[in-house]
């Protein structure tokens, strides 16, 4: 809007306006993943994270179980030393099969 004012030198035109805020820019992950490609990328990332978490849990469980079995084998070896060779074979077999499962996963 224009506004004319009268001063001692003559007319002067002053521009009077309002500042209208623009719509906020969406700068979030939801905006990025709103597209189909972004949605697929998010799904792939979530699947990969889930896969990694499962593999970590499997490895953690295998380590804990191997440790428990090895501790039991050590205890049994002190009680019945004649079975030490067999106890160690059981520990080795478990650890070997657990490692194969983790590699396959």
PDB file of N, CA and C in Angstrom:
ATOM      1  N   UNK A   1       0.843  -1.149   0.000  1.00  0.00           N
ATOM      2  CA  UNK A   1       0.000   0.000   0.000  1.00  0.00           C
ATOM      3  C   UNK A   1       0.902   1.230   0.000  1.00  0.00           C
ATOM      4  N   UNK A   2       0.476   2.213  -0.750  1.00  0.00           N
ATOM      5  CA  UNK A   2       1.229   3.466  -0.806  1.00  0.00           C
ATOM      6  C   UNK A   2       0.546   4.495   0.063  1.00  0.00           C
ATOM      7  N   UNK A   3       1.344   5.359   0.640  1.00  0.00           N
ATOM      8  CA  UNK A   3       0.797   6.420   1.476  1.00  0.00           C
ATOM      9  C   UNK A   3       1.505   7.719   1.082  1.00  0.00           C
ATOM     10  N   UNK A   4       0.732   8.709   0.722  1.00  0.00           N
ATOM     11  CA  UNK A   4       1.302  10.005   0.368  1.00  0.00           C
ATOM     12  C   UNK A   4       1.316  10.891   1.605  1.00  0.00           C
ATOM     13  N   UNK A   5       2.431  11.545   1.824  1.00  0.00           N
ATOM     14  CA  UNK A   5       2.526  12.485   2.937  1.00  0.00           C
ATOM     15  C   UNK A   5       2.928  13.838   2.379  1.00  0.00           C
ATOM     16  N   UNK A   6       2.490  14.888   3.026  1.00  0.00           N
ATOM     17  CA  UNK A   6       2.794  16.240   2.593  1.00  0.00           C
ATOM     18  C   UNK A   6       3.791  16.831   3.583  1.00  0.00           C
ATOM     19  N   UNK A   7       4.955  17.223   3.083  1.00  0.00           N
ATOM     20  CA  UNK A   7       5.915  17.905   3.952  1.00  0.00           C
ATOM     21  C   UNK A   7       6.296  19.227   3.303  1.00  0.00           C
ATOM     22  N   UNK A   8       7.237  19.938   3.848  1.00  0.00           N
ATOM     23  CA  UNK A   8       7.578  21.279   3.362  1.00  0.00           C
ATOM     24  C   UNK A   8       8.181  21.255   1.962  1.00  0.00           C
ATOM     25  N   UNK A   9       8.746  20.148   1.520  1.00  0.00           N
ATOM     26  CA  UNK A   9       9.367  20.090   0.196  1.00  0.00           C
ATOM     27  C   UNK A   9       8.419  19.576  -0.882  1.00  0.00           C
ATOM     28  N   UNK A  10       7.330  19.073  -0.497  1.00  0.00           N
ATOM     29  CA  UNK A  10       6.408  18.544  -1.490  1.00  0.00           C
ATOM     30  C   UNK A  10       5.877  17.198  -1.044  1.00  0.00           C
ATOM     31  N   UNK A  11       5.362  16.499  -2.005  1.00  0.00           N
ATOM     32  CA  UNK A  11       4.820  15.188  -1.689  1.00  0.00           C
ATOM     33  C   UNK A  11       5.920  14.143  -1.641  1.00  0.00           C
ATOM     34  N   UNK A  12       5.746  13.212  -0.756  1.00  0.00           N
ATOM     35  CA  UNK A  12       6.694  12.111  -0.614  1.00  0.00           C
ATOM     36  C   UNK A  12       5.881  10.827  -0.545  1.00  0.00           C
ATOM     37  N   UNK A  13       6.309   9.801  -1.230  1.00  0.00           N
ATOM     38  CA  UNK A  13       5.584   8.535  -1.211  1.00  0.00           C
ATOM     39  C   UNK A  13       6.300   7.574  -0.273  1.00  0.00           C
ATOM     40  N   UNK A  14       5.542   6.986   0.606  1.00  0.00           N
ATOM     41  CA  UNK A  14       6.078   6.011   1.558  1.00  0.00           C
ATOM     42  C   UNK A  14       5.382   4.687   1.316  1.00  0.00           C
ATOM     43  N   UNK A  15       6.153   3.662   1.281  1.00  0.00           N
ATOM     44  CA  UNK A  15       5.605   2.318   1.097  1.00  0.00           C
ATOM     45  C   UNK A  15       5.375   1.704   2.467  1.00  0.00           C
ATOM     46  N   UNK A  16       4.151   1.295   2.717  1.00  0.00           N
ATOM     47  CA  UNK A  16       3.793   0.654   3.978  1.00  0.00           C
ATOM     48  C   UNK A  16       3.372  -0.764   3.636  1.00  0.00           C
ATOM     49  N   UNK A  17       3.948  -1.741   4.346  1.00  0.00           N
ATOM     50  CA  UNK A  17       3.601  -3.129   4.040  1.00  0.00           C
ATOM     51  C   UNK A  17       3.604  -3.977   5.301  1.00  0.00           C
ATOM     52  N   UNK A  18       3.135  -5.181   5.140  1.00  0.00           N
ATOM     53  CA  UNK A  18       3.146  -6.145   6.233  1.00  0.00           C
ATOM     54  C   UNK A  18       4.126  -7.250   5.882  1.00  0.00           C
ATOM     55  N   UNK A  19       4.732  -7.802   6.895  1.00  0.00           N
ATOM     56  CA  UNK A  19       5.588  -8.970   6.682  1.00  0.00           C
ATOM     57  C   UNK A  19       4.733 -10.199   6.933  1.00  0.00           C
ATOM     58  N   UNK A  20       4.602 -11.017   5.911  1.00  0.00           N
ATOM     59  CA  UNK A  20       3.808 -12.235   6.016  1.00  0.00           C
ATOM     60  C   UNK A  20       4.771 -13.404   6.136  1.00  0.00           C
ATOM     61  N   UNK A  21       4.704 -14.124   7.233  1.00  0.00           N
ATOM     62  CA  UNK A  21       5.626 -15.249   7.385  1.00  0.00           C
ATOM     63  C   UNK A  21       5.325 -16.345   6.367  1.00  0.00           C
ATOM     64  N   UNK A  22       6.387 -16.938   5.857  1.00  0.00           N
ATOM     65  CA  UNK A  22       6.203 -18.021   4.892  1.00  0.00           C
ATOM     66  C   UNK A  22       5.931 -19.312   5.652  1.00  0.00           C
ATOM     67  N   UNK A  23       5.436 -20.274   4.928  1.00  0.00           N
ATOM     68  CA  UNK A  23       5.173 -21.577   5.548  1.00  0.00           C
ATOM     69  C   UNK A  23       6.498 -22.168   6.016  1.00  0.00           C
ATOM     70  N   UNK A  24       6.514 -22.792   7.185  1.00  0.00           N
ATOM     71  CA  UNK A  24       7.769 -23.357   7.680  1.00  0.00           C
ATOM     72  C   UNK A  24       8.271 -24.459   6.756  1.00  0.00           C
ATOM     73  N   UNK A  25       9.562 -24.486   6.571  1.00  0.00           N
ATOM     74  CA  UNK A  25      10.172 -25.509   5.734  1.00  0.00           C
ATOM     75  C   UNK A  25      10.271 -26.789   6.530  1.00  0.00           C
ATOM     76  N   UNK A  26       9.874 -27.888   5.931  1.00  0.00           N
ATOM     77  CA  UNK A  26       9.962 -29.176   6.611  1.00  0.00           C
ATOM     78  C   UNK A  26      11.386 -29.696   6.479  1.00  0.00           C
ATOM     79  N   UNK A  27      12.112 -29.658   7.561  1.00  0.00           N
ATOM     80  CA  UNK A  27      13.496 -30.118   7.580  1.00  0.00           C
ATOM     81  C   UNK A  27      13.612 -31.267   8.571  1.00  0.00           C
ATOM     82  N   UNK A  28      12.920 -32.330   8.284  1.00  0.00           N
ATOM     83  CA  UNK A  28      12.960 -33.466   9.192  1.00  0.00           C
ATOM     84  C   UNK A  28      13.106 -34.742   8.381  1.00  0.00           C
ATOM     85  N   UNK A  29      13.359 -35.820   9.090  1.00  0.00           N
ATOM     86  CA  UNK A  29      13.474 -37.105   8.414  1.00  0.00           C
ATOM     87  C   UNK A  29      12.161 -37.497   7.766  1.00  0.00           C
ATOM     88  N   UNK A  30      11.055 -37.120   8.375  1.00  0.00           N
ATOM     89  CA  UNK A  30       9.764 -37.485   7.792  1.00  0.00           C
ATOM     90  C   UNK A  30       9.591 -36.860   6.409  1.00  0.00           C
ATOM     91  N   UNK A  31      10.115 -35.661   6.218  1.00  0.00           N
ATOM     92  CA  UNK A  31      10.035 -35.028   4.900  1.00  0.00           C
ATOM     93  C   UNK A  31      10.894 -35.780   3.893  1.00  0.00           C
ATOM     94  N   UNK A  32      12.077 -36.208   4.331  1.00  0.00           N
ATOM     95  CA  UNK A  32      12.974 -36.953   3.442  1.00  0.00           C
ATOM     96  C   UNK A  32      12.357 -38.273   3.033  1.00  0.00           C
ATOM     97  N   UNK A  33      11.715 -38.939   4.001  1.00  0.00           N
ATOM     98  CA  UNK A  33      11.186 -40.267   3.732  1.00  0.00           C
ATOM     99  C   UNK A  33       9.752 -40.242   3.220  1.00  0.00           C
ATOM    100  N   UNK A  34       9.240 -39.068   2.898  1.00  0.00           N
ATOM    101  CA  UNK A  34       7.890 -38.964   2.372  1.00  0.00           C
ATOM    102  C   UNK A  34       7.807 -39.542   0.963  1.00  0.00           C
ATOM    103  N   UNK A  35       8.900 -39.501   0.234  1.00  0.00           N
ATOM    104  CA  UNK A  35       8.891 -40.050  -1.118  1.00  0.00           C
ATOM    105  C   UNK A  35       8.990 -41.568  -1.055  1.00  0.00           C
ATOM    106  N   UNK A  36       8.635 -42.218  -2.120  1.00  0.00           N
ATOM    107  CA  UNK A  36       8.699 -43.689  -2.182  1.00  0.00           C
ATOM    108  C   UNK A  36      10.138 -44.172  -2.028  1.00  0.00           C
ATOM    109  N   UNK A  37      11.072 -43.512  -2.713  1.00  0.00           N
ATOM    110  CA  UNK A  37      12.481 -43.915  -2.613  1.00  0.00           C
ATOM    111  C   UNK A  37      12.984 -43.743  -1.181  1.00  0.00           C
ATOM    112  N   UNK A  38      12.599 -42.653  -0.545  1.00  0.00           N
ATOM    113  CA  UNK A  38      13.007 -42.426   0.835  1.00  0.00           C
ATOM    114  C   UNK A  38      12.407 -43.448   1.768  1.00  0.00           C
ATOM    115  N   UNK A  39      11.164 -43.819   1.518  1.00  0.00           N
ATOM    116  CA  UNK A  39      10.497 -44.821   2.334  1.00  0.00           C
ATOM    117  C   UNK A  39      11.191 -46.174   2.205  1.00  0.00           C
ATOM    118  N   UNK A  40      11.553 -46.541   0.988  1.00  0.00           N
ATOM    119  CA  UNK A  40      12.269 -47.805   0.773  1.00  0.00           C
ATOM    120  C   UNK A  40      13.644 -47.778   1.430  1.00  0.00           C
ATOM    121  N   UNK A  41      14.301 -46.623   1.381  1.00  0.00           N
ATOM    122  CA  UNK A  41      15.604 -46.486   2.014  1.00  0.00           C
ATOM    123  C   UNK A  41      15.482 -46.669   3.523  1.00  0.00           C
ATOM    124  N   UNK A  42      14.440 -46.106   4.115  1.00  0.00           N
ATOM    125  CA  UNK A  42      14.211 -46.253   5.553  1.00  0.00           C
ATOM    126  C   UNK A  42      13.921 -47.705   5.908  1.00  0.00           C
ATOM    127  N   UNK A  43      13.121 -48.383   5.105  1.00  0.00           N
ATOM    128  CA  UNK A  43      12.817 -49.791   5.351  1.00  0.00           C
ATOM    129  C   UNK A  43      14.085 -50.640   5.284  1.00  0.00           C
ATOM    130  N   UNK A  44      14.926 -50.389   4.283  1.00  0.00           N
ATOM    131  CA  UNK A  44      16.191 -51.125   4.157  1.00  0.00           C
ATOM    132  C   UNK A  44      17.080 -50.897   5.372  1.00  0.00           C
ATOM    133  N   UNK A  45      17.153 -49.660   5.837  1.00  0.00           N
ATOM    134  CA  UNK A  45      17.988 -49.347   7.003  1.00  0.00           C
ATOM    135  C   UNK A  45      17.457 -50.050   8.249  1.00  0.00           C
ATOM    136  N   UNK A  46      16.145 -50.070   8.400  1.00  0.00           N
ATOM    137  CA  UNK A  46      15.555 -50.736   9.560  1.00  0.00           C
ATOM    138  C   UNK A  46      15.782 -52.247   9.514  1.00  0.00           C
ATOM    139  N   UNK A  47      15.666 -52.833   8.338  1.00  0.00           N
ATOM    140  CA  UNK A  47      15.924 -54.269   8.199  1.00  0.00           C
ATOM    141  C   UNK A  47      17.381 -54.598   8.499  1.00  0.00           C
ATOM    142  N   UNK A  48      18.274 -53.775   8.001  1.00  0.00           N
ATOM    143  CA  UNK A  48      19.704 -54.000   8.240  1.00  0.00           C
ATOM    144  C   UNK A  48      20.037 -53.855   9.721  1.00  0.00           C
ATOM    145  N   UNK A  49      19.453 -52.879  10.384  1.00  0.00           N
ATOM    146  CA  UNK A  49      19.679 -52.695  11.822  1.00  0.00           C
ATOM    147  C   UNK A  49      19.139 -53.890  12.607  1.00  0.00           C
ATOM    148  N   UNK A  50      17.994 -54.394  12.229  1.00  0.00           N
ATOM    149  CA  UNK A  50      17.423 -55.569  12.881  1.00  0.00           C
ATOM    150  C   UNK A  50      18.284 -56.803  12.662  1.00  0.00           C
ATOM    151  N   UNK A  51      18.773 -56.952  11.443  1.00  0.00           N
ATOM    152  CA  UNK A  51      19.658 -58.073  11.109  1.00  0.00           C
ATOM    153  C   UNK A  51      20.933 -58.015  11.949  1.00  0.00           C
ATOM    154  N   UNK A  52      21.515 -56.839  12.051  1.00  0.00           N
ATOM    155  CA  UNK A  52      22.740 -56.671  12.839  1.00  0.00           C
ATOM    156  C   UNK A  52      22.482 -56.965  14.314  1.00  0.00           C
ATOM    157  N   UNK A  53      21.356 -56.508  14.822  1.00  0.00           N
ATOM    158  CA  UNK A  53      21.015 -56.741  16.233  1.00  0.00           C
ATOM    159  C   UNK A  53      20.857 -58.238  16.499  1.00  0.00           C
ATOM    160  N   UNK A  54      20.200 -58.958  15.590  1.00  0.00           N
ATOM    161  CA  UNK A  54      20.025 -60.408  15.760  1.00  0.00           C
ATOM    162  C   UNK A  54      21.366 -61.129  15.742  1.00  0.00           C
ATOM    163  N   UNK A  55      22.242 -60.727  14.829  1.00  0.00           N
ATOM    164  CA  UNK A  55      23.561 -61.353  14.755  1.00  0.00           C
ATOM    165  C   UNK A  55      24.355 -61.085  16.036  1.00  0.00           C
ATOM    166  N   UNK A  56      24.263 -59.894  16.568  1.00  0.00           N
ATOM    167  CA  UNK A  56      24.964 -59.564  17.816  1.00  0.00           C
ATOM    168  C   UNK A  56      24.420 -60.389  18.987  1.00  0.00           C
ATOM    169  N   UNK A  57      23.094 -60.534  19.050  1.00  0.00           N
ATOM    170  CA  UNK A  57      22.501 -61.343  20.121  1.00  0.00           C
ATOM    171  C   UNK A  57      22.899 -62.809  20.001  1.00  0.00           C
ATOM    172  N   UNK A  58      22.941 -63.300  18.773  1.00  0.00           N
ATOM    173  CA  UNK A  58      23.371 -64.678  18.537  1.00  0.00           C
ATOM    174  C   UNK A  58      24.822 -64.878  18.966  1.00  0.00           C
ATOM    175  N   UNK A  59      25.684 -63.940  18.622  1.00  0.00           N
ATOM    176  CA  UNK A  59      27.097 -64.025  19.007  1.00  0.00           C
ATOM    177  C   UNK A  59      27.248 -63.938  20.524  1.00  0.00           C
ATOM    178  N   UNK A  60      26.525 -63.024  21.147  1.00  0.00           N
ATOM    179  CA  UNK A  60      26.594 -62.876  22.600  1.00  0.00           C
ATOM    180  C   UNK A  60      26.154 -64.167  23.294  1.00  0.00           C
ATOM    181  N   UNK A  61      25.076 -64.732  22.830  1.00  0.00           N
ATOM    182  CA  UNK A  61      24.572 -65.978  23.407  1.00  0.00           C
ATOM    183  C   UNK A  61      25.574 -67.109  23.223  1.00  0.00           C
ATOM    184  N   UNK A  62      26.172 -67.203  22.032  1.00  0.00           N
ATOM    185  CA  UNK A  62      27.158 -68.254  21.772  1.00  0.00           C
ATOM    186  C   UNK A  62      28.374 -68.100  22.680  1.00  0.00           C
ATOM    187  N   UNK A  63      28.822 -66.877  22.887  1.00  0.00           N
ATOM    188  CA  UNK A  63      29.970 -66.647  23.773  1.00  0.00           C
ATOM    189  C   UNK A  63      29.641 -67.025  25.221  1.00  0.00           C
ATOM    190  N   UNK A  64      28.470 -66.621  25.677  1.00  0.00           N
ATOM    191  CA  UNK A  64      28.072 -66.952  27.046  1.00  0.00           C
ATOM    192  C   UNK A  64      27.942 -68.461  27.225  1.00  0.00           C
ATOM    193  N   UNK A  65      27.314 -69.122  26.266  1.00  0.00           N
ATOM    194  CA  UNK A  65      27.129 -70.565  26.364  1.00  0.00           C
ATOM    195  C   UNK A  65      28.459 -71.306  26.279  1.00  0.00           C
ATOM    196  N   UNK A  66      29.339 -70.857  25.396  1.00  0.00           N
ATOM    197  CA  UNK A  66      30.651 -71.486  25.287  1.00  0.00           C
ATOM    198  C   UNK A  66      31.419 -71.333  26.593  1.00  0.00           C
ATOM    199  N   UNK A  67      31.342 -70.152  27.189  1.00  0.00           N
ATOM    200  CA  UNK A  67      32.002 -69.925  28.478  1.00  0.00           C
ATOM    201  C   UNK A  67      31.450 -70.827  29.565  1.00  0.00           C
ATOM    202  N   UNK A  68      30.130 -70.975  29.600  1.00  0.00           N
ATOM    203  CA  UNK A  68      29.500 -71.850  30.600  1.00  0.00           C
ATOM    204  C   UNK A  68      29.901 -73.302  30.396  1.00  0.00           C
ATOM    205  N   UNK A  69      29.900 -73.733  29.150  1.00  0.00           N
ATOM    206  CA  UNK A  69      30.281 -75.116  28.849  1.00  0.00           C
ATOM    207  C   UNK A  69      31.755 -75.354  29.180  1.00  0.00           C
ATOM    208  N   UNK A  70      32.605 -74.388  28.847  1.00  0.00           N
ATOM    209  CA  UNK A  70      34.037 -74.532  29.149  1.00  0.00           C
ATOM    210  C   UNK A  70      34.274 -74.565  30.654  1.00  0.00           C
ATOM    211  N   UNK A  71      33.545 -73.748  31.418  1.00  0.00           N
ATOM    212  CA  UNK A  71      33.683 -73.757  32.875  1.00  0.00           C
ATOM    213  C   UNK A  71      33.234 -75.099  33.448  1.00  0.00           C
ATOM    214  N   UNK A  72      32.140 -75.629  32.892  1.00  0.00           N
ATOM    215  CA  UNK A  72      31.668 -76.939  33.345  1.00  0.00           C
ATOM    216  C   UNK A  72      32.684 -78.026  32.999  1.00  0.00           C
ATOM    217  N   UNK A  73      33.264 -77.937  31.811  1.00  0.00           N
ATOM    218  CA  UNK A  73      34.274 -78.929  31.409  1.00  0.00           C
ATOM    219  C   UNK A  73      35.488 -78.868  32.339  1.00  0.00           C
ATOM    220  N   UNK A  74      35.897 -77.685  32.730  1.00  0.00           N
ATOM    221  CA  UNK A  74      37.030 -77.525  33.648  1.00  0.00           C
ATOM    222  C   UNK A  74      36.690 -78.127  35.014  1.00  0.00           C
ATOM    223  N   UNK A  75      35.490 -77.870  35.490  1.00  0.00           N
ATOM    224  CA  UNK A  75      35.061 -78.405  36.782  1.00  0.00           C
ATOM    225  C   UNK A  75      34.996 -79.932  36.739  1.00  0.00           C
ATOM    226  N   UNK A  76      34.423 -80.458  35.665  1.00  0.00           N
ATOM    227  CA  UNK A  76      34.329 -81.916  35.541  1.00  0.00           C
ATOM    228  C   UNK A  76      35.701 -82.563  35.388  1.00  0.00           C
ATOM    229  N   UNK A  77      36.623 -81.853  34.745  1.00  0.00           N
ATOM    230  CA  UNK A  77      37.974 -82.392  34.584  1.00  0.00           C
ATOM    231  C   UNK A  77      38.663 -82.556  35.934  1.00  0.00           C
ATOM    232  N   UNK A  78      38.351 -81.677  36.879  1.00  0.00           N
ATOM    233  CA  UNK A  78      38.959 -81.812  38.205  1.00  0.00           C
ATOM    234  C   UNK A  78      38.302 -82.931  39.007  1.00  0.00           C
ATOM    235  N   UNK A  79      37.028 -83.212  38.707  1.00  0.00           N
ATOM    236  CA  UNK A  79      36.316 -84.285  39.401  1.00  0.00           C
ATOM    237  C   UNK A  79      36.615 -85.647  38.769  1.00  0.00           C
ATOM    238  N   UNK A  80      36.538 -85.686  37.458  1.00  0.00           N
ATOM    239  CA  UNK A  80      36.759 -86.942  36.722  1.00  0.00           C
ATOM    240  C   UNK A  80      37.736 -86.674  35.584  1.00  0.00           C
ATOM    241  N   UNK A  81      39.032 -86.673  35.876  1.00  0.00           N
ATOM    242  CA  UNK A  81      40.040 -86.318  34.886  1.00  0.00           C
ATOM    243  C   UNK A  81      40.091 -87.234  33.666  1.00  0.00           C
ATOM    244  N   UNK A  82      39.614 -88.452  33.785  1.00  0.00           N
ATOM    245  CA  UNK A  82      39.667 -89.382  32.647  1.00  0.00           C
ATOM    246  C   UNK A  82      38.770 -88.904  31.490  1.00  0.00           C
ATOM    247  N   UNK A  83      37.768 -88.052  31.775  1.00  0.00           N
ATOM    248  CA  UNK A  83      36.875 -87.574  30.726  1.00  0.00           C
ATOM    249  C   UNK A  83      37.299 -86.248  30.122  1.00  0.00           C
ATOM    250  N   UNK A  84      38.449 -85.721  30.521  1.00  0.00           N
ATOM    251  CA  UNK A  84      38.895 -84.397  30.056  1.00  0.00           C
ATOM    252  C   UNK A  84      38.918 -84.270  28.543  1.00  0.00           C
ATOM    253  N   UNK A  85      39.389 -85.304  27.880  1.00  0.00           N
ATOM    254  CA  UNK A  85      39.476 -85.269  26.413  1.00  0.00           C
ATOM    255  C   UNK A  85      38.080 -85.133  25.797  1.00  0.00           C
ATOM    256  N   UNK A  86      37.128 -85.829  26.366  1.00  0.00           N
ATOM    257  CA  UNK A  86      35.749 -85.777  25.855  1.00  0.00           C
ATOM    258  C   UNK A  86      35.092 -84.432  26.164  1.00  0.00           C
ATOM    259  N   UNK A  87      35.354 -83.925  27.346  1.00  0.00           N
ATOM    260  CA  UNK A  87      34.798 -82.621  27.708  1.00  0.00           C
ATOM    261  C   UNK A  87      35.286 -81.547  26.746  1.00  0.00           C
ATOM    262  N   UNK A  88      36.582 -81.590  26.470  1.00  0.00           N
ATOM    263  CA  UNK A  88      37.145 -80.593  25.555  1.00  0.00           C
ATOM    264  C   UNK A  88      36.566 -80.746  24.151  1.00  0.00           C
ATOM    265  N   UNK A  89      36.330 -81.993  23.711  1.00  0.00           N
ATOM    266  CA  UNK A  89      35.740 -82.236  22.389  1.00  0.00           C
ATOM    267  C   UNK A  89      34.331 -81.645  22.306  1.00  0.00           C
ATOM    268  N   UNK A  90      33.589 -81.739  23.411  1.00  0.00           N
ATOM    269  CA  UNK A  90      32.231 -81.171  23.442  1.00  0.00           C
ATOM    270  C   UNK A  90      32.291 -79.648  23.349  1.00  0.00           C
ATOM    271  N   UNK A  91      33.191 -79.044  24.108  1.00  0.00           N
ATOM    272  CA  UNK A  91      33.354 -77.582  24.067  1.00  0.00           C
ATOM    273  C   UNK A  91      33.741 -77.147  22.658  1.00  0.00           C
ATOM    274  N   UNK A  92      34.703 -77.841  22.062  1.00  0.00           N
ATOM    275  CA  UNK A  92      35.158 -77.496  20.705  1.00  0.00           C
ATOM    276  C   UNK A  92      34.031 -77.633  19.682  1.00  0.00           C
ATOM    277  N   UNK A  93      33.261 -78.713  19.783  1.00  0.00           N
ATOM    278  CA  UNK A  93      32.168 -78.944  18.831  1.00  0.00           C
ATOM    279  C   UNK A  93      31.108 -77.845  18.948  1.00  0.00           C
ATOM    280  N   UNK A  94      30.763 -77.494  20.184  1.00  0.00           N
ATOM    281  CA  UNK A  94      29.759 -76.442  20.376  1.00  0.00           C
ATOM    282  C   UNK A  94      30.254 -75.118  19.800  1.00  0.00           C
ATOM    283  N   UNK A  95      31.483 -74.772  20.149  1.00  0.00           N
ATOM    284  CA  UNK A  95      32.034 -73.495  19.691  1.00  0.00           C
ATOM    285  C   UNK A  95      32.134 -73.461  18.167  1.00  0.00           C
ATOM    286  N   UNK A  96      32.538 -74.565  17.563  1.00  0.00           N
ATOM    287  CA  UNK A  96      32.667 -74.631  16.095  1.00  0.00           C
ATOM    288  C   UNK A  96      31.301 -74.458  15.428  1.00  0.00           C
ATOM    289  N   UNK A  97      30.292 -75.180  15.916  1.00  0.00           N
ATOM    290  CA  UNK A  97      28.948 -75.077  15.329  1.00  0.00           C
ATOM    291  C   UNK A  97      28.326 -73.700  15.555  1.00  0.00           C
ATOM    292  N   UNK A  98      28.579 -73.116  16.713  1.00  0.00           N
ATOM    293  CA  UNK A  98      28.062 -71.766  16.981  1.00  0.00           C
ATOM    294  C   UNK A  98      28.693 -70.765  16.023  1.00  0.00           C
ATOM    295  N   UNK A  99      29.993 -70.897  15.784  1.00  0.00           N
ATOM    296  CA  UNK A  99      30.678 -69.989  14.855  1.00  0.00           C
ATOM    297  C   UNK A  99      30.120 -70.134  13.439  1.00  0.00           C
ATOM    298  N   UNK A 100      29.828 -71.352  13.024  1.00  0.00           N
ATOM    299  CA  UNK A 100      29.254 -71.583  11.686  1.00  0.00           C
ATOM    300  C   UNK A 100      27.875 -70.928  11.584  1.00  0.00           C
ATOM    301  N   UNK A 101      27.066 -71.071  12.619  1.00  0.00           N
ATOM    302  CA  UNK A 101      25.733 -70.434  12.615  1.00  0.00           C
ATOM    303  C   UNK A 101      25.839 -68.931  12.495  1.00  0.00           C
ATOM    304  N   UNK A 102      26.762 -68.345  13.243  1.00  0.00           N
ATOM    305  CA  UNK A 102      26.930 -66.880  13.210  1.00  0.00           C
ATOM    306  C   UNK A 102      27.402 -66.438  11.828  1.00  0.00           C
ATOM    307  N   UNK A 103      28.328 -67.178  11.240  1.00  0.00           N
ATOM    308  CA  UNK A 103      28.805 -66.826   9.890  1.00  0.00           C
ATOM    309  C   UNK A 103      27.687 -66.941   8.871  1.00  0.00           C
ATOM    310  N   UNK A 104      26.836 -67.955   9.011  1.00  0.00           N
ATOM    311  CA  UNK A 104      25.735 -68.173   8.087  1.00  0.00           C
ATOM    312  C   UNK A 104      24.660 -67.095   8.238  1.00  0.00           C
ATOM    313  N   UNK A 105      24.465 -66.611   9.441  1.00  0.00           N
ATOM    314  CA  UNK A 105      23.422 -65.626   9.722  1.00  0.00           C
ATOM    315  C   UNK A 105      23.728 -64.360   8.984  1.00  0.00           C
TER     316      UNK A 105
END
